[in-house]
Amino acid sequence: MQKTILITGSTDGIGLEAAKMMATDGHNLLLHGRNAKKLDDAGRMLAALAGGGRIETYLADLSRIADVEALATAVAAKHETLDVLINNAGVYKSASPITPDGRDVRFAVNIIAPYLLTQRLLPLLDASGRIINLSSAAQSPVDPKALAGQVRLSDGAAYAQSKLAVTMWSFHLASVLKEGGPAVIAVNPGSLLGSKMVKEAFGIAGGDIRIGADILKRAALDASFAKASGQYFDNDKGQFSAPHPDALDPGKTEEIIGVIERLLAKTPTHD
């Protein structure tokens, strides 16, 4: 069955590779990127694949709350329903690690943006839908002050904390939505795959990105993931696994969610 799927960060790496797989299978794809040329190139490439689905492109800088809001508004204006939301966009290393409003760009893009985008698009997703959130094998306890922009971290620390925050939020959202909402699944797509992010961060070629793309496709579409809401899939192990203990700690999770909510409440949503 043809699905309508939004993939953030789908102009290169795992996101683009997953989009290719899904486009070939004939699904309708909503591509997101922050570079207009790369987004146009990706859109043309996928439109040329003989799958039969529609390809749409959406330009947004997910480090900017106003852009996240605009992205959600644009998608909702064109679609009454959405089958799958894949929050794939991520940042590890950046020439501008602090956003204009004082947040670490890793927290801004990796957790705050997907949190807000998902919140805005939830009305489009029914109980048969899926929300796939990109986590990582690199996860470490979240410092609420760092999340709030009050403490500066190294690239690796900010990334690992943001990815644990993603996992914590995924478990929280699944518990809130229960059976009435879409399945919410946190996925580690695989360690040190050959994405641009890995090459820039570690200076290595990395593994086959199709490993990560394939698990995103499976998580989004396979029947084996339909009842997996509130679970963590570790692709390094090739199976569902126990999450970091903090993801199962309601007190710590509520603290992190509270910080995100307060940040969003005091951040202008439009330019």
C-alpha atoms as a PDB file:
ATOM      1  CA  MET A   1       0.000   0.000   0.000  1.00  0.00           C
ATOM      2  CA  GLN A   2       1.296   3.434  -0.957  1.00  0.00           C
ATOM      3  CA  LYS A   3       2.241   5.553   2.067  1.00  0.00           C
ATOM      4  CA  THR A   4       2.904   9.264   2.540  1.00  0.00           C
ATOM      5  CA  ILE A   5       6.201   9.692   4.383  1.00  0.00           C
ATOM      6  CA  LEU A   6       8.015  12.796   5.642  1.00  0.00           C
ATOM      7  CA  ILE A   7      11.759  12.362   6.169  1.00  0.00           C
ATOM      8  CA  THR A   8      13.700  15.223   7.712  1.00  0.00           C
ATOM      9  CA  GLY A   9      17.328  15.571   6.689  1.00  0.00           C
ATOM     10  CA  SER A  10      16.766  13.685   3.455  1.00  0.00           C
ATOM     11  CA  THR A  11      19.208  15.426   1.114  1.00  0.00           C
ATOM     12  CA  ASP A  12      22.149  13.160   1.913  1.00  0.00           C
ATOM     13  CA  GLY A  13      23.317  10.245   4.041  1.00  0.00           C
ATOM     14  CA  ILE A  14      20.954   7.746   5.595  1.00  0.00           C
ATOM     15  CA  GLY A  15      17.912   9.951   5.007  1.00  0.00           C
ATOM     16  CA  LEU A  16      18.496  10.232   1.260  1.00  0.00           C
ATOM     17  CA  GLU A  17      19.329   6.544   0.929  1.00  0.00           C
ATOM     18  CA  ALA A  18      16.138   5.581   2.759  1.00  0.00           C
ATOM     19  CA  ALA A  19      14.179   7.972   0.535  1.00  0.00           C
ATOM     20  CA  LYS A  20      15.600   6.275  -2.565  1.00  0.00           C
ATOM     21  CA  MET A  21      14.470   2.885  -1.311  1.00  0.00           C
ATOM     22  CA  MET A  22      10.982   4.144  -0.520  1.00  0.00           C
ATOM     23  CA  ALA A  23      10.648   6.118  -3.768  1.00  0.00           C
ATOM     24  CA  THR A  24      11.554   3.024  -5.759  1.00  0.00           C
ATOM     25  CA  ASP A  25       8.726   1.201  -3.973  1.00  0.00           C
ATOM     26  CA  GLY A  26       6.258   3.879  -5.069  1.00  0.00           C
ATOM     27  CA  HIS A  27       5.617   5.769  -1.828  1.00  0.00           C
ATOM     28  CA  ASN A  28       4.797   9.476  -1.681  1.00  0.00           C
ATOM     29  CA  LEU A  29       7.787  11.225  -0.163  1.00  0.00           C
ATOM     30  CA  LEU A  30       8.061  14.582   1.539  1.00  0.00           C
ATOM     31  CA  LEU A  31      11.737  15.503   1.514  1.00  0.00           C
ATOM     32  CA  HIS A  32      13.209  18.052   3.873  1.00  0.00           C
ATOM     33  CA  GLY A  33      16.550  19.828   3.673  1.00  0.00           C
ATOM     34  CA  ARG A  34      18.149  23.115   4.685  1.00  0.00           C
ATOM     35  CA  ASN A  35      20.199  23.643   1.502  1.00  0.00           C
ATOM     36  CA  ALA A  36      18.030  24.666  -1.442  1.00  0.00           C
ATOM     37  CA  LYS A  37      20.301  23.264  -4.163  1.00  0.00           C
ATOM     38  CA  LYS A  38      20.790  19.916  -2.455  1.00  0.00           C
ATOM     39  CA  LEU A  39      17.060  19.701  -1.820  1.00  0.00           C
ATOM     40  CA  ASP A  40      16.246  20.407  -5.474  1.00  0.00           C
ATOM     41  CA  ASP A  41      18.854  17.877  -6.619  1.00  0.00           C
ATOM     42  CA  ALA A  42      17.449  15.212  -4.285  1.00  0.00           C
ATOM     43  CA  GLY A  43      13.914  15.934  -5.438  1.00  0.00           C
ATOM     44  CA  ARG A  44      14.831  15.550  -9.101  1.00  0.00           C
ATOM     45  CA  MET A  45      16.797  12.392  -8.426  1.00  0.00           C
ATOM     46  CA  LEU A  46      13.932  10.732  -6.595  1.00  0.00           C
ATOM     47  CA  ALA A  47      11.327  11.903  -9.100  1.00  0.00           C
ATOM     48  CA  ALA A  48      13.324  10.108 -11.792  1.00  0.00           C
ATOM     49  CA  LEU A  49      13.004   6.772 -10.010  1.00  0.00           C
ATOM     50  CA  ALA A  50      10.265   4.672 -11.550  1.00  0.00           C
ATOM     51  CA  GLY A  51       8.213   4.196  -8.401  1.00  0.00           C
ATOM     52  CA  GLY A  52       5.091   6.139  -9.240  1.00  0.00           C
ATOM     53  CA  GLY A  53       4.815   8.098  -5.992  1.00  0.00           C
ATOM     54  CA  ARG A  54       4.786  11.866  -5.611  1.00  0.00           C
ATOM     55  CA  ILE A  55       7.892  13.729  -4.491  1.00  0.00           C
ATOM     56  CA  GLU A  56       7.608  17.019  -2.603  1.00  0.00           C
ATOM     57  CA  THR A  57      10.398  19.176  -1.176  1.00  0.00           C
ATOM     58  CA  TYR A  58      10.382  21.380   1.929  1.00  0.00           C
ATOM     59  CA  LEU A  59      13.149  23.846   2.803  1.00  0.00           C
ATOM     60  CA  ALA A  60      13.754  24.582   6.496  1.00  0.00           C
ATOM     61  CA  ASP A  61      16.601  25.213   8.930  1.00  0.00           C
ATOM     62  CA  LEU A  62      15.628  23.052  11.903  1.00  0.00           C
ATOM     63  CA  SER A  63      17.872  25.027  14.256  1.00  0.00           C
ATOM     64  CA  ARG A  64      15.300  27.835  13.930  1.00  0.00           C
ATOM     65  CA  ILE A  65      11.972  27.404  15.694  1.00  0.00           C
ATOM     66  CA  ALA A  66      10.242  29.633  13.143  1.00  0.00           C
ATOM     67  CA  ASP A  67      11.396  27.309  10.352  1.00  0.00           C
ATOM     68  CA  VAL A  68      10.129  24.241  12.202  1.00  0.00           C
ATOM     69  CA  GLU A  69       6.736  25.897  12.604  1.00  0.00           C
ATOM     70  CA  ALA A  70       6.702  26.908   8.934  1.00  0.00           C
ATOM     71  CA  LEU A  71       7.602  23.361   7.869  1.00  0.00           C
ATOM     72  CA  ALA A  72       4.750  21.894   9.886  1.00  0.00           C
ATOM     73  CA  THR A  73       2.334  24.495   8.508  1.00  0.00           C
ATOM     74  CA  ALA A  74       3.413  23.806   4.909  1.00  0.00           C
ATOM     75  CA  VAL A  75       3.006  20.045   5.283  1.00  0.00           C
ATOM     76  CA  ALA A  76      -0.395  20.376   6.959  1.00  0.00           C
ATOM     77  CA  ALA A  77      -1.562  22.748   4.208  1.00  0.00           C
ATOM     78  CA  LYS A  78      -0.974  20.070   1.571  1.00  0.00           C
ATOM     79  CA  HIS A  79      -1.866  16.926   3.498  1.00  0.00           C
ATOM     80  CA  GLU A  80      -4.810  15.935   5.647  1.00  0.00           C
ATOM     81  CA  THR A  81      -3.061  12.720   6.631  1.00  0.00           C
ATOM     82  CA  LEU A  82       0.498  11.540   7.063  1.00  0.00           C
ATOM     83  CA  ASP A  83       1.402   7.861   7.408  1.00  0.00           C
ATOM     84  CA  VAL A  84       4.987   8.114   8.635  1.00  0.00           C
ATOM     85  CA  LEU A  85       7.166  10.844  10.133  1.00  0.00           C
ATOM     86  CA  ILE A  86      10.873  10.020  10.235  1.00  0.00           C
ATOM     87  CA  ASN A  87      12.792  12.497  12.403  1.00  0.00           C
ATOM     88  CA  ASN A  88      16.156  11.799  10.806  1.00  0.00           C
ATOM     89  CA  ALA A  89      17.857  15.213  10.619  1.00  0.00           C
ATOM     90  CA  GLY A  90      20.805  15.473  12.971  1.00  0.00           C
ATOM     91  CA  VAL A  91      23.899  17.532  13.732  1.00  0.00           C
ATOM     92  CA  TYR A  92      27.157  16.414  15.365  1.00  0.00           C
ATOM     93  CA  LYS A  93      29.706  19.058  14.404  1.00  0.00           C
ATOM     94  CA  SER A  94      28.952  22.611  13.293  1.00  0.00           C
ATOM     95  CA  ALA A  95      30.868  25.756  12.437  1.00  0.00           C
ATOM     96  CA  SER A  96      28.125  27.581  14.354  1.00  0.00           C
ATOM     97  CA  PRO A  97      27.469  25.403  17.406  1.00  0.00           C
ATOM     98  CA  ILE A  98      25.321  28.021  19.161  1.00  0.00           C
ATOM     99  CA  THR A  99      22.045  29.192  17.638  1.00  0.00           C
ATOM    100  CA  PRO A 100      21.133  32.918  17.576  1.00  0.00           C
ATOM    101  CA  ASP A 101      18.837  32.387  20.568  1.00  0.00           C
ATOM    102  CA  GLY A 102      21.639  30.786  22.601  1.00  0.00           C
ATOM    103  CA  ARG A 103      20.929  27.049  22.290  1.00  0.00           C
ATOM    104  CA  ASP A 104      23.437  24.363  21.382  1.00  0.00           C
ATOM    105  CA  VAL A 105      22.683  23.438  17.770  1.00  0.00           C
ATOM    106  CA  ARG A 106      22.821  19.710  18.616  1.00  0.00           C
ATOM    107  CA  PHE A 107      19.978  20.081  21.100  1.00  0.00           C
ATOM    108  CA  ALA A 108      18.130  22.469  18.770  1.00  0.00           C
ATOM    109  CA  VAL A 109      18.169  20.173  15.725  1.00  0.00           C
ATOM    110  CA  ASN A 110      18.378  16.708  17.286  1.00  0.00           C
ATOM    111  CA  ILE A 111      15.662  16.966  19.946  1.00  0.00           C
ATOM    112  CA  ILE A 112      13.865  20.347  20.130  1.00  0.00           C
ATOM    113  CA  ALA A 113      13.011  20.466  16.408  1.00  0.00           C
ATOM    114  CA  PRO A 114      11.631  16.906  16.187  1.00  0.00           C
ATOM    115  CA  TYR A 115       9.737  17.416  19.438  1.00  0.00           C
ATOM    116  CA  LEU A 116       7.980  20.505  18.054  1.00  0.00           C
ATOM    117  CA  LEU A 117       7.515  19.166  14.514  1.00  0.00           C
ATOM    118  CA  THR A 118       5.965  15.966  15.827  1.00  0.00           C
ATOM    119  CA  GLN A 119       3.692  17.891  18.162  1.00  0.00           C
ATOM    120  CA  ARG A 120       2.422  20.008  15.266  1.00  0.00           C
ATOM    121  CA  LEU A 121       1.938  17.067  12.880  1.00  0.00           C
ATOM    122  CA  LEU A 122       0.319  14.648  15.330  1.00  0.00           C
ATOM    123  CA  PRO A 123      -3.197  15.566  14.123  1.00  0.00           C
ATOM    124  CA  LEU A 124      -2.240  14.153  10.709  1.00  0.00           C
ATOM    125  CA  LEU A 125      -1.151  10.765  12.115  1.00  0.00           C
ATOM    126  CA  ASP A 126      -3.707   8.179  13.200  1.00  0.00           C
ATOM    127  CA  ALA A 127      -3.325   4.911  15.096  1.00  0.00           C
ATOM    128  CA  SER A 128      -1.953   3.160  11.999  1.00  0.00           C
ATOM    129  CA  GLY A 129       0.817   5.749  11.592  1.00  0.00           C
ATOM    130  CA  ARG A 130       4.400   5.681  12.776  1.00  0.00           C
ATOM    131  CA  ILE A 131       6.886   8.170  14.184  1.00  0.00           C
ATOM    132  CA  ILE A 132      10.474   7.012  13.812  1.00  0.00           C
ATOM    133  CA  ASN A 133      12.980   8.972  15.892  1.00  0.00           C
ATOM    134  CA  LEU A 134      16.681   8.682  15.162  1.00  0.00           C
ATOM    135  CA  SER A 135      18.646   7.873  18.264  1.00  0.00           C
ATOM    136  CA  SER A 136      22.225   6.607  18.437  1.00  0.00           C
ATOM    137  CA  ALA A 137      24.502   4.188  20.217  1.00  0.00           C
ATOM    138  CA  ALA A 138      26.100   7.333  21.637  1.00  0.00           C
ATOM    139  CA  GLN A 139      23.857   8.334  24.538  1.00  0.00           C
ATOM    140  CA  SER A 140      24.760   9.951  27.841  1.00  0.00           C
ATOM    141  CA  PRO A 141      22.793  11.516  30.731  1.00  0.00           C
ATOM    142  CA  VAL A 142      21.245  14.846  29.811  1.00  0.00           C
ATOM    143  CA  ASP A 143      22.295  17.971  31.679  1.00  0.00           C
ATOM    144  CA  PRO A 144      19.115  20.100  31.853  1.00  0.00           C
ATOM    145  CA  LYS A 145      21.229  23.266  31.997  1.00  0.00           C
ATOM    146  CA  ALA A 146      23.041  22.297  28.792  1.00  0.00           C
ATOM    147  CA  LEU A 147      19.704  21.599  27.109  1.00  0.00           C
ATOM    148  CA  ALA A 148      18.530  25.048  28.238  1.00  0.00           C
ATOM    149  CA  GLY A 149      21.643  26.683  26.769  1.00  0.00           C
ATOM    150  CA  GLN A 150      23.173  27.592  30.125  1.00  0.00           C
ATOM    151  CA  VAL A 151      26.157  25.209  29.911  1.00  0.00           C
ATOM    152  CA  ARG A 152      28.436  24.642  26.916  1.00  0.00           C
ATOM    153  CA  LEU A 153      29.455  21.113  25.950  1.00  0.00           C
ATOM    154  CA  SER A 154      31.908  19.477  23.564  1.00  0.00           C
ATOM    155  CA  ASP A 155      30.588  18.214  20.220  1.00  0.00           C
ATOM    156  CA  GLY A 156      30.537  14.604  21.381  1.00  0.00           C
ATOM    157  CA  ALA A 157      28.883  15.346  24.716  1.00  0.00           C
ATOM    158  CA  ALA A 158      26.182  17.543  23.182  1.00  0.00           C
ATOM    159  CA  TYR A 159      25.426  14.945  20.529  1.00  0.00           C
ATOM    160  CA  ALA A 160      25.255  12.026  22.968  1.00  0.00           C
ATOM    161  CA  GLN A 161      23.054  13.952  25.388  1.00  0.00           C
ATOM    162  CA  SER A 162      20.730  15.061  22.605  1.00  0.00           C
ATOM    163  CA  LYS A 163      20.335  11.465  21.432  1.00  0.00           C
ATOM    164  CA  LEU A 164      19.456  10.209  24.904  1.00  0.00           C
ATOM    165  CA  ALA A 165      16.937  13.049  25.085  1.00  0.00           C
ATOM    166  CA  VAL A 166      15.420  11.733  21.837  1.00  0.00           C
ATOM    167  CA  THR A 167      15.091   8.254  23.331  1.00  0.00           C
ATOM    168  CA  MET A 168      13.583   9.572  26.569  1.00  0.00           C
ATOM    169  CA  TRP A 169      11.063  11.688  24.674  1.00  0.00           C
ATOM    170  CA  SER A 170      10.158   8.767  22.391  1.00  0.00           C
ATOM    171  CA  PHE A 171       9.271   6.564  25.346  1.00  0.00           C
ATOM    172  CA  HIS A 172       7.355   9.423  26.947  1.00  0.00           C
ATOM    173  CA  LEU A 173       5.350  10.180  23.795  1.00  0.00           C
ATOM    174  CA  ALA A 174       4.489   6.511  23.299  1.00  0.00           C
ATOM    175  CA  SER A 175       3.210   6.323  26.870  1.00  0.00           C
ATOM    176  CA  VAL A 176       1.044   9.413  26.356  1.00  0.00           C
ATOM    177  CA  LEU A 177      -0.435   8.339  23.001  1.00  0.00           C
ATOM    178  CA  LYS A 178      -0.973   4.684  23.944  1.00  0.00           C
ATOM    179  CA  GLU A 179      -3.122   2.635  21.539  1.00  0.00           C
ATOM    180  CA  GLY A 180      -4.952   5.640  20.133  1.00  0.00           C
ATOM    181  CA  GLY A 181      -1.967   7.239  18.463  1.00  0.00           C
ATOM    182  CA  PRO A 182       0.762   6.340  16.006  1.00  0.00           C
ATOM    183  CA  ALA A 183       3.544   3.967  17.006  1.00  0.00           C
ATOM    184  CA  VAL A 184       6.583   5.850  18.335  1.00  0.00           C
ATOM    185  CA  ILE A 185       9.876   4.010  17.891  1.00  0.00           C
ATOM    186  CA  ALA A 186      13.425   5.148  18.718  1.00  0.00           C
ATOM    187  CA  VAL A 187      16.048   3.659  16.400  1.00  0.00           C
ATOM    188  CA  ASN A 188      19.822   3.496  16.500  1.00  0.00           C
ATOM    189  CA  PRO A 189      20.413   3.053  12.750  1.00  0.00           C
ATOM    190  CA  GLY A 190      23.936   1.705  13.250  1.00  0.00           C
ATOM    191  CA  SER A 191      27.231   3.001  14.528  1.00  0.00           C
ATOM    192  CA  LEU A 192      29.717   4.893  12.369  1.00  0.00           C
ATOM    193  CA  LEU A 193      27.906   4.480   9.079  1.00  0.00           C
ATOM    194  CA  GLY A 194      29.340   6.456   6.169  1.00  0.00           C
ATOM    195  CA  SER A 195      27.189   9.568   6.384  1.00  0.00           C
ATOM    196  CA  LYS A 196      28.505  13.088   5.900  1.00  0.00           C
ATOM    197  CA  MET A 197      28.085  13.627   9.638  1.00  0.00           C
ATOM    198  CA  VAL A 198      30.313  10.665  10.517  1.00  0.00           C
ATOM    199  CA  LYS A 199      32.941  11.626   7.942  1.00  0.00           C
ATOM    200  CA  GLU A 200      33.103  15.210   9.239  1.00  0.00           C
ATOM    201  CA  ALA A 201      33.054  14.209  12.898  1.00  0.00           C
ATOM    202  CA  PHE A 202      35.532  11.346  12.843  1.00  0.00           C
ATOM    203  CA  GLY A 203      37.417  11.667   9.553  1.00  0.00           C
ATOM    204  CA  ILE A 204      36.601   8.094   8.499  1.00  0.00           C
ATOM    205  CA  ALA A 205      34.765   6.628   5.520  1.00  0.00           C
ATOM    206  CA  GLY A 206      32.363   4.722   7.756  1.00  0.00           C
ATOM    207  CA  GLY A 207      30.214   1.698   7.014  1.00  0.00           C
ATOM    208  CA  ASP A 208      27.591   1.126   4.346  1.00  0.00           C
ATOM    209  CA  ILE A 209      24.827   3.714   4.877  1.00  0.00           C
ATOM    210  CA  ARG A 210      22.337   1.300   3.330  1.00  0.00           C
ATOM    211  CA  ILE A 211      22.452  -0.556   6.661  1.00  0.00           C
ATOM    212  CA  GLY A 212      20.906   2.476   8.333  1.00  0.00           C
ATOM    213  CA  ALA A 213      18.563   3.249   5.450  1.00  0.00           C
ATOM    214  CA  ASP A 214      17.191  -0.279   5.435  1.00  0.00           C
ATOM    215  CA  ILE A 215      16.302  -0.227   9.128  1.00  0.00           C
ATOM    216  CA  LEU A 216      14.540   3.121   8.684  1.00  0.00           C
ATOM    217  CA  LYS A 217      12.509   1.650   5.848  1.00  0.00           C
ATOM    218  CA  ARG A 218      11.660  -1.411   7.911  1.00  0.00           C
ATOM    219  CA  ALA A 219      10.743   0.613  10.984  1.00  0.00           C
ATOM    220  CA  ALA A 220       8.519   2.830   8.859  1.00  0.00           C
ATOM    221  CA  LEU A 221       6.774   0.141   6.839  1.00  0.00           C
ATOM    222  CA  ASP A 222       7.256  -3.452   8.023  1.00  0.00           C
ATOM    223  CA  ALA A 223       4.472  -5.192   9.909  1.00  0.00           C
ATOM    224  CA  SER A 224       7.000  -6.364  12.521  1.00  0.00           C
ATOM    225  CA  PHE A 225       7.238  -2.757  13.792  1.00  0.00           C
ATOM    226  CA  ALA A 226       3.513  -2.012  13.820  1.00  0.00           C
ATOM    227  CA  LYS A 227       3.133  -2.893  17.513  1.00  0.00           C
ATOM    228  CA  ALA A 228       6.559  -1.651  18.603  1.00  0.00           C
ATOM    229  CA  SER A 229       5.507   1.688  20.078  1.00  0.00           C
ATOM    230  CA  GLY A 230       7.580   2.646  23.088  1.00  0.00           C
ATOM    231  CA  GLN A 231      10.484   0.430  22.121  1.00  0.00           C
ATOM    232  CA  TYR A 232      14.115   1.028  21.166  1.00  0.00           C
ATOM    233  CA  PHE A 233      15.613  -0.776  18.184  1.00  0.00           C
ATOM    234  CA  ASP A 234      19.398  -1.120  18.275  1.00  0.00           C
ATOM    235  CA  ASN A 235      20.591  -1.869  14.745  1.00  0.00           C
ATOM    236  CA  ASP A 236      24.096  -2.619  16.013  1.00  0.00           C
ATOM    237  CA  LYS A 237      22.493  -5.663  17.663  1.00  0.00           C
ATOM    238  CA  GLY A 238      19.811  -6.119  15.022  1.00  0.00           C
ATOM    239  CA  GLN A 239      17.029  -6.280  17.576  1.00  0.00           C
ATOM    240  CA  PHE A 240      14.872  -4.408  20.057  1.00  0.00           C
ATOM    241  CA  SER A 241      16.938  -3.729  23.152  1.00  0.00           C
ATOM    242  CA  ALA A 242      16.678  -2.195  26.588  1.00  0.00           C
ATOM    243  CA  PRO A 243      17.124   1.577  26.353  1.00  0.00           C
ATOM    244  CA  HIS A 244      19.425   3.683  28.490  1.00  0.00           C
ATOM    245  CA  PRO A 245      18.024   3.514  32.058  1.00  0.00           C
ATOM    246  CA  ASP A 246      17.200   7.235  31.996  1.00  0.00           C
ATOM    247  CA  ALA A 247      14.626   6.578  29.263  1.00  0.00           C
ATOM    248  CA  LEU A 248      12.689   4.493  31.788  1.00  0.00           C
ATOM    249  CA  ASP A 249      12.941   7.079  34.572  1.00  0.00           C
ATOM    250  CA  PRO A 250       9.720   9.165  34.633  1.00  0.00           C
ATOM    251  CA  GLY A 251      11.235  11.816  36.891  1.00  0.00           C
ATOM    252  CA  LYS A 252      14.245  12.467  34.666  1.00  0.00           C
ATOM    253  CA  THR A 253      12.112  12.343  31.535  1.00  0.00           C
ATOM    254  CA  GLU A 254       9.584  14.826  32.912  1.00  0.00           C
ATOM    255  CA  GLU A 255      12.437  17.178  33.799  1.00  0.00           C
ATOM    256  CA  ILE A 256      13.785  17.078  30.236  1.00  0.00           C
ATOM    257  CA  ILE A 257      10.325  17.494  28.695  1.00  0.00           C
ATOM    258  CA  GLY A 258       9.753  20.439  31.039  1.00  0.00           C
ATOM    259  CA  VAL A 259      12.936  22.158  29.868  1.00  0.00           C
ATOM    260  CA  ILE A 260      11.933  21.718  26.213  1.00  0.00           C
ATOM    261  CA  GLU A 261       8.441  23.053  26.864  1.00  0.00           C
ATOM    262  CA  ARG A 262       9.808  26.114  28.662  1.00  0.00           C
ATOM    263  CA  LEU A 263      12.274  26.803  25.841  1.00  0.00           C
ATOM    264  CA  LEU A 264       9.507  26.622  23.258  1.00  0.00           C
ATOM    265  CA  ALA A 265       7.200  28.803  25.341  1.00  0.00           C
ATOM    266  CA  LYS A 266       9.676  31.668  25.417  1.00  0.00           C
ATOM    267  CA  THR A 267      10.945  31.363  21.827  1.00  0.00           C
ATOM    268  CA  PRO A 268       9.193  33.361  19.067  1.00  0.00           C
ATOM    269  CA  THR A 269       7.563  30.948  16.634  1.00  0.00           C
ATOM    270  CA  HIS A 270       7.581  33.377  13.709  1.00  0.00           C
ATOM    271  CA  ASP A 271      10.060  35.885  12.345  1.00  0.00           C
END
